[in-house]
Amino acid sequence: MKIKKKVIEGKGLRFSVVIDGKEMGRAFLYILYNDLHEEPFGFLEDVYIEENLRGQGVGTQLLDKVMNEAKKKGCYKIIATSRHSRERVHKLYERIGFKNYGIEFRLHFHNS
């Protein structure tokens, strides 16, 4: 048996919500490729909004920007992960069109 490796380039974008010069939220969008599709897919990671701004539409506006960028980059889908305990975030994702499609498995290589 032989296992081959092929380098596939991706791109990462960081979005920030800035109010009065202070970062109050963020989200990362990674544009990734695989051999199953010609188009890339988006991976949404580390979405955060300061607690005092939650429920005011700030997260929705941020995610709209991220999703529009994924569409602009030609992504055929976008994947978001979230911990089981984040039910409020899950409701936000579902309200803007995400579907609960599966589960995430994680293996940490160090404590961070």
N, C-alpha and C. Protein backbone atom coordinates (compact mmCIF):
# COMPACT_ATOMS: atom_id res chain seq x y z
N MET A 1 0.84 -1.18 0.00
CA MET A 1 0.00 0.00 0.00
C MET A 1 0.89 1.24 0.00
N LYS A 2 0.40 2.26 -0.72
CA LYS A 2 1.12 3.54 -0.77
C LYS A 2 0.10 4.65 -0.51
N ILE A 3 0.43 5.55 0.37
CA ILE A 3 -0.43 6.70 0.64
C ILE A 3 0.27 7.93 0.06
N LYS A 4 -0.42 8.59 -0.86
CA LYS A 4 0.14 9.76 -1.51
C LYS A 4 -0.40 11.03 -0.88
N LYS A 5 0.34 12.10 -1.01
CA LYS A 5 -0.06 13.40 -0.49
C LYS A 5 -0.05 14.41 -1.63
N LYS A 6 -1.09 15.25 -1.66
CA LYS A 6 -1.20 16.30 -2.66
C LYS A 6 -1.50 17.61 -1.94
N VAL A 7 -0.78 18.66 -2.23
CA VAL A 7 -1.01 19.95 -1.60
C VAL A 7 -2.19 20.63 -2.28
N ILE A 8 -3.15 21.06 -1.46
CA ILE A 8 -4.31 21.79 -1.95
C ILE A 8 -4.34 23.11 -1.19
N GLU A 9 -4.29 24.19 -1.92
CA GLU A 9 -4.25 25.51 -1.29
C GLU A 9 -5.63 25.93 -0.81
N GLY A 10 -5.67 26.65 0.27
CA GLY A 10 -6.88 27.23 0.81
C GLY A 10 -6.62 28.69 1.18
N LYS A 11 -7.65 29.34 1.66
CA LYS A 11 -7.51 30.74 2.04
C LYS A 11 -8.33 30.99 3.29
N GLY A 12 -7.84 31.82 4.17
CA GLY A 12 -8.56 32.19 5.37
C GLY A 12 -8.84 33.68 5.40
N LEU A 13 -10.05 34.04 5.84
CA LEU A 13 -10.45 35.43 5.96
C LEU A 13 -10.97 35.68 7.38
N ARG A 14 -10.56 36.78 7.97
CA ARG A 14 -11.03 37.15 9.31
C ARG A 14 -11.94 38.35 9.20
N PHE A 15 -13.13 38.25 9.74
CA PHE A 15 -14.10 39.33 9.77
C PHE A 15 -14.19 39.86 11.19
N SER A 16 -14.25 41.18 11.35
CA SER A 16 -14.33 41.79 12.67
C SER A 16 -15.49 42.77 12.73
N VAL A 17 -16.18 42.78 13.86
CA VAL A 17 -17.18 43.80 14.17
C VAL A 17 -16.46 44.82 15.04
N VAL A 18 -16.36 46.05 14.56
CA VAL A 18 -15.66 47.11 15.29
C VAL A 18 -16.65 48.21 15.61
N ILE A 19 -16.76 48.54 16.88
CA ILE A 19 -17.65 49.61 17.34
C ILE A 19 -16.81 50.55 18.20
N ASP A 20 -16.82 51.83 17.82
CA ASP A 20 -16.03 52.85 18.53
C ASP A 20 -14.57 52.45 18.68
N GLY A 21 -14.01 51.87 17.61
CA GLY A 21 -12.60 51.50 17.60
C GLY A 21 -12.25 50.22 18.34
N LYS A 22 -13.26 49.54 18.90
CA LYS A 22 -12.99 48.32 19.67
C LYS A 22 -13.63 47.12 18.97
N GLU A 23 -12.87 46.02 18.87
CA GLU A 23 -13.42 44.81 18.28
C GLU A 23 -14.45 44.20 19.24
N MET A 24 -15.66 44.03 18.74
CA MET A 24 -16.76 43.51 19.55
C MET A 24 -17.26 42.16 19.05
N GLY A 25 -16.69 41.69 17.96
CA GLY A 25 -17.08 40.39 17.43
C GLY A 25 -16.13 39.98 16.32
N ARG A 26 -16.21 38.69 15.98
CA ARG A 26 -15.32 38.17 14.91
C ARG A 26 -15.89 36.88 14.36
N ALA A 27 -15.39 36.54 13.19
CA ALA A 27 -15.68 35.25 12.56
C ALA A 27 -14.58 34.97 11.55
N PHE A 28 -14.26 33.70 11.39
CA PHE A 28 -13.26 33.28 10.41
C PHE A 28 -13.96 32.46 9.33
N LEU A 29 -13.60 32.73 8.08
CA LEU A 29 -14.08 31.96 6.95
C LEU A 29 -12.88 31.38 6.24
N TYR A 30 -12.87 30.07 6.11
CA TYR A 30 -11.81 29.40 5.36
C TYR A 30 -12.41 28.88 4.07
N ILE A 31 -11.74 29.17 2.97
CA ILE A 31 -12.16 28.71 1.65
C ILE A 31 -11.31 27.48 1.33
N LEU A 32 -11.96 26.33 1.22
CA LEU A 32 -11.26 25.05 1.08
C LEU A 32 -11.71 24.29 -0.16
N TYR A 33 -10.86 23.42 -0.62
CA TYR A 33 -11.13 22.64 -1.84
C TYR A 33 -10.96 21.16 -1.54
N ASN A 34 -11.65 20.35 -2.32
CA ASN A 34 -11.39 18.91 -2.34
C ASN A 34 -11.64 18.39 -3.76
N ASP A 35 -11.37 17.15 -3.99
CA ASP A 35 -11.49 16.58 -5.34
C ASP A 35 -12.92 16.21 -5.72
N LEU A 36 -13.87 16.34 -4.80
CA LEU A 36 -15.25 15.95 -5.09
C LEU A 36 -16.01 17.01 -5.87
N HIS A 37 -15.57 18.27 -5.78
CA HIS A 37 -16.26 19.38 -6.44
C HIS A 37 -15.24 20.32 -7.06
N GLU A 38 -15.61 20.93 -8.15
CA GLU A 38 -14.74 21.96 -8.73
C GLU A 38 -14.76 23.21 -7.88
N GLU A 39 -15.93 23.52 -7.30
CA GLU A 39 -16.07 24.71 -6.49
C GLU A 39 -15.54 24.46 -5.07
N PRO A 40 -15.10 25.52 -4.42
CA PRO A 40 -14.65 25.38 -3.03
C PRO A 40 -15.85 25.31 -2.09
N PHE A 41 -15.58 25.03 -0.82
CA PHE A 41 -16.60 25.16 0.21
C PHE A 41 -16.07 26.08 1.29
N GLY A 42 -16.97 26.65 2.06
CA GLY A 42 -16.59 27.54 3.13
C GLY A 42 -16.68 26.83 4.47
N PHE A 43 -15.73 27.13 5.34
CA PHE A 43 -15.75 26.61 6.70
C PHE A 43 -15.77 27.80 7.65
N LEU A 44 -16.85 27.95 8.39
CA LEU A 44 -17.05 29.04 9.33
C LEU A 44 -16.56 28.61 10.70
N GLU A 45 -15.72 29.42 11.32
CA GLU A 45 -15.07 29.02 12.57
C GLU A 45 -14.96 30.22 13.51
N ASP A 46 -15.02 29.94 14.80
CA ASP A 46 -14.74 30.89 15.87
C ASP A 46 -15.57 32.17 15.77
N VAL A 47 -16.88 32.00 15.62
CA VAL A 47 -17.79 33.15 15.61
C VAL A 47 -17.98 33.60 17.05
N TYR A 48 -17.81 34.90 17.29
CA TYR A 48 -17.96 35.43 18.64
C TYR A 48 -18.51 36.85 18.58
N ILE A 49 -19.48 37.12 19.45
CA ILE A 49 -20.03 38.46 19.64
C ILE A 49 -19.98 38.75 21.13
N GLU A 50 -19.53 39.95 21.50
CA GLU A 50 -19.51 40.35 22.91
C GLU A 50 -20.90 40.15 23.51
N GLU A 51 -20.93 39.68 24.72
CA GLU A 51 -22.18 39.29 25.37
C GLU A 51 -23.21 40.42 25.41
N ASN A 52 -22.79 41.66 25.65
CA ASN A 52 -23.75 42.76 25.75
C ASN A 52 -24.37 43.14 24.41
N LEU A 53 -23.86 42.61 23.30
CA LEU A 53 -24.42 42.88 21.98
C LEU A 53 -25.27 41.74 21.44
N ARG A 54 -25.27 40.62 22.12
CA ARG A 54 -26.01 39.46 21.64
C ARG A 54 -27.51 39.72 21.67
N GLY A 55 -28.21 39.19 20.66
CA GLY A 55 -29.65 39.39 20.57
C GLY A 55 -30.05 40.69 19.92
N GLN A 56 -29.09 41.45 19.41
CA GLN A 56 -29.38 42.75 18.79
C GLN A 56 -29.16 42.75 17.28
N GLY A 57 -28.92 41.58 16.70
CA GLY A 57 -28.75 41.49 15.25
C GLY A 57 -27.32 41.62 14.77
N VAL A 58 -26.39 41.85 15.68
CA VAL A 58 -24.99 42.02 15.30
C VAL A 58 -24.43 40.73 14.71
N GLY A 59 -24.71 39.60 15.36
CA GLY A 59 -24.24 38.31 14.85
C GLY A 59 -24.84 37.99 13.49
N THR A 60 -26.11 38.31 13.31
CA THR A 60 -26.77 38.07 12.02
C THR A 60 -26.10 38.90 10.92
N GLN A 61 -25.81 40.16 11.22
CA GLN A 61 -25.14 41.01 10.23
C GLN A 61 -23.75 40.48 9.89
N LEU A 62 -23.03 40.03 10.91
CA LEU A 62 -21.70 39.48 10.69
C LEU A 62 -21.78 38.22 9.81
N LEU A 63 -22.69 37.33 10.15
CA LEU A 63 -22.83 36.09 9.37
C LEU A 63 -23.31 36.36 7.95
N ASP A 64 -24.14 37.38 7.76
CA ASP A 64 -24.54 37.77 6.40
C ASP A 64 -23.32 38.15 5.57
N LYS A 65 -22.41 38.93 6.17
CA LYS A 65 -21.18 39.32 5.45
C LYS A 65 -20.34 38.09 5.11
N VAL A 66 -20.20 37.19 6.07
CA VAL A 66 -19.40 35.98 5.84
C VAL A 66 -20.02 35.13 4.74
N MET A 67 -21.34 34.92 4.81
CA MET A 67 -22.00 34.08 3.80
C MET A 67 -21.95 34.72 2.42
N ASN A 68 -22.09 36.04 2.35
CA ASN A 68 -21.98 36.72 1.06
C ASN A 68 -20.58 36.58 0.48
N GLU A 69 -19.58 36.63 1.33
CA GLU A 69 -18.20 36.44 0.86
C GLU A 69 -17.99 35.02 0.34
N ALA A 70 -18.55 34.04 1.05
CA ALA A 70 -18.44 32.65 0.60
C ALA A 70 -19.10 32.48 -0.77
N LYS A 71 -20.26 33.09 -0.96
CA LYS A 71 -20.94 33.03 -2.26
C LYS A 71 -20.09 33.71 -3.34
N LYS A 72 -19.53 34.88 -3.00
CA LYS A 72 -18.69 35.62 -3.95
C LYS A 72 -17.47 34.81 -4.38
N LYS A 73 -16.94 34.02 -3.44
CA LYS A 73 -15.78 33.18 -3.74
C LYS A 73 -16.17 31.90 -4.47
N GLY A 74 -17.47 31.70 -4.73
CA GLY A 74 -17.91 30.54 -5.50
C GLY A 74 -18.14 29.29 -4.69
N CYS A 75 -18.26 29.39 -3.38
CA CYS A 75 -18.48 28.21 -2.54
C CYS A 75 -19.83 27.57 -2.85
N TYR A 76 -19.85 26.25 -2.89
CA TYR A 76 -21.10 25.54 -3.12
C TYR A 76 -21.82 25.24 -1.81
N LYS A 77 -21.13 25.39 -0.67
CA LYS A 77 -21.74 25.23 0.64
C LYS A 77 -20.86 25.90 1.68
N ILE A 78 -21.43 26.09 2.86
CA ILE A 78 -20.66 26.59 3.99
C ILE A 78 -21.00 25.71 5.19
N ILE A 79 -19.98 25.35 5.93
CA ILE A 79 -20.12 24.49 7.10
C ILE A 79 -19.78 25.32 8.34
N ALA A 80 -20.61 25.19 9.38
CA ALA A 80 -20.33 25.84 10.66
C ALA A 80 -20.34 24.78 11.74
N THR A 81 -19.43 24.89 12.68
CA THR A 81 -19.43 23.97 13.81
C THR A 81 -19.78 24.74 15.07
N SER A 82 -20.31 24.02 16.04
CA SER A 82 -20.68 24.63 17.30
C SER A 82 -20.76 23.55 18.37
N ARG A 83 -20.42 23.93 19.59
CA ARG A 83 -20.51 22.98 20.69
C ARG A 83 -21.97 22.69 21.04
N HIS A 84 -22.22 21.50 21.57
CA HIS A 84 -23.58 21.09 21.94
C HIS A 84 -24.24 22.09 22.88
N SER A 85 -23.50 22.70 23.76
CA SER A 85 -24.05 23.58 24.79
C SER A 85 -24.48 24.95 24.26
N ARG A 86 -24.21 25.27 23.02
CA ARG A 86 -24.47 26.60 22.47
C ARG A 86 -25.82 26.67 21.75
N GLU A 87 -26.89 26.35 22.46
CA GLU A 87 -28.21 26.28 21.85
C GLU A 87 -28.65 27.60 21.23
N ARG A 88 -28.31 28.72 21.85
CA ARG A 88 -28.68 30.03 21.30
C ARG A 88 -28.03 30.26 19.93
N VAL A 89 -26.78 29.85 19.81
CA VAL A 89 -26.07 29.97 18.53
C VAL A 89 -26.71 29.05 17.49
N HIS A 90 -27.09 27.85 17.91
CA HIS A 90 -27.72 26.90 16.99
C HIS A 90 -29.02 27.49 16.43
N LYS A 91 -29.80 28.15 17.29
CA LYS A 91 -31.05 28.77 16.83
C LYS A 91 -30.76 29.88 15.82
N LEU A 92 -29.71 30.65 16.06
CA LEU A 92 -29.32 31.70 15.11
C LEU A 92 -28.96 31.07 13.77
N TYR A 93 -28.11 30.05 13.79
CA TYR A 93 -27.71 29.40 12.55
C TYR A 93 -28.92 28.86 11.80
N GLU A 94 -29.83 28.21 12.51
CA GLU A 94 -31.02 27.66 11.86
C GLU A 94 -31.91 28.77 11.32
N ARG A 95 -32.05 29.87 12.05
CA ARG A 95 -32.88 30.99 11.60
C ARG A 95 -32.37 31.59 10.29
N ILE A 96 -31.05 31.58 10.08
CA ILE A 96 -30.52 32.18 8.85
C ILE A 96 -30.32 31.14 7.74
N GLY A 97 -30.77 29.89 7.98
CA GLY A 97 -30.79 28.92 6.89
C GLY A 97 -29.91 27.70 7.03
N PHE A 98 -29.06 27.64 8.05
CA PHE A 98 -28.24 26.45 8.24
C PHE A 98 -29.12 25.28 8.68
N LYS A 99 -28.74 24.08 8.30
CA LYS A 99 -29.41 22.86 8.73
C LYS A 99 -28.47 22.07 9.64
N ASN A 100 -29.04 21.46 10.67
CA ASN A 100 -28.27 20.58 11.55
C ASN A 100 -28.03 19.29 10.77
N TYR A 101 -26.83 19.13 10.25
CA TYR A 101 -26.53 18.09 9.27
C TYR A 101 -25.77 16.91 9.84
N GLY A 102 -25.13 17.08 10.97
CA GLY A 102 -24.31 15.98 11.50
C GLY A 102 -23.65 16.38 12.80
N ILE A 103 -22.62 15.67 13.15
CA ILE A 103 -21.88 15.96 14.37
C ILE A 103 -20.40 16.14 14.03
N GLU A 104 -19.70 16.78 14.94
CA GLU A 104 -18.27 17.02 14.76
C GLU A 104 -17.50 16.12 15.70
N PHE A 105 -16.45 15.53 15.21
CA PHE A 105 -15.52 14.79 16.05
C PHE A 105 -14.22 15.58 16.10
N ARG A 106 -13.61 15.62 17.27
CA ARG A 106 -12.45 16.44 17.45
C ARG A 106 -11.37 15.65 18.18
N LEU A 107 -10.13 15.84 17.79
CA LEU A 107 -8.97 15.25 18.44
C LEU A 107 -7.96 16.37 18.69
N HIS A 108 -7.69 16.68 19.93
CA HIS A 108 -6.74 17.72 20.26
C HIS A 108 -5.34 17.13 20.36
N PHE A 109 -4.36 17.83 19.79
CA PHE A 109 -2.98 17.39 19.85
C PHE A 109 -2.21 18.06 20.99
N HIS A 110 -2.75 19.13 21.55
CA HIS A 110 -2.13 19.80 22.70
C HIS A 110 -3.22 20.57 23.44
N ASN A 111 -2.89 21.07 24.61
CA ASN A 111 -3.86 21.79 25.44
C ASN A 111 -3.88 23.26 25.06
N SER A 112 -4.85 23.65 24.25
CA SER A 112 -5.03 25.08 23.92
C SER A 112 -6.45 25.39 23.62
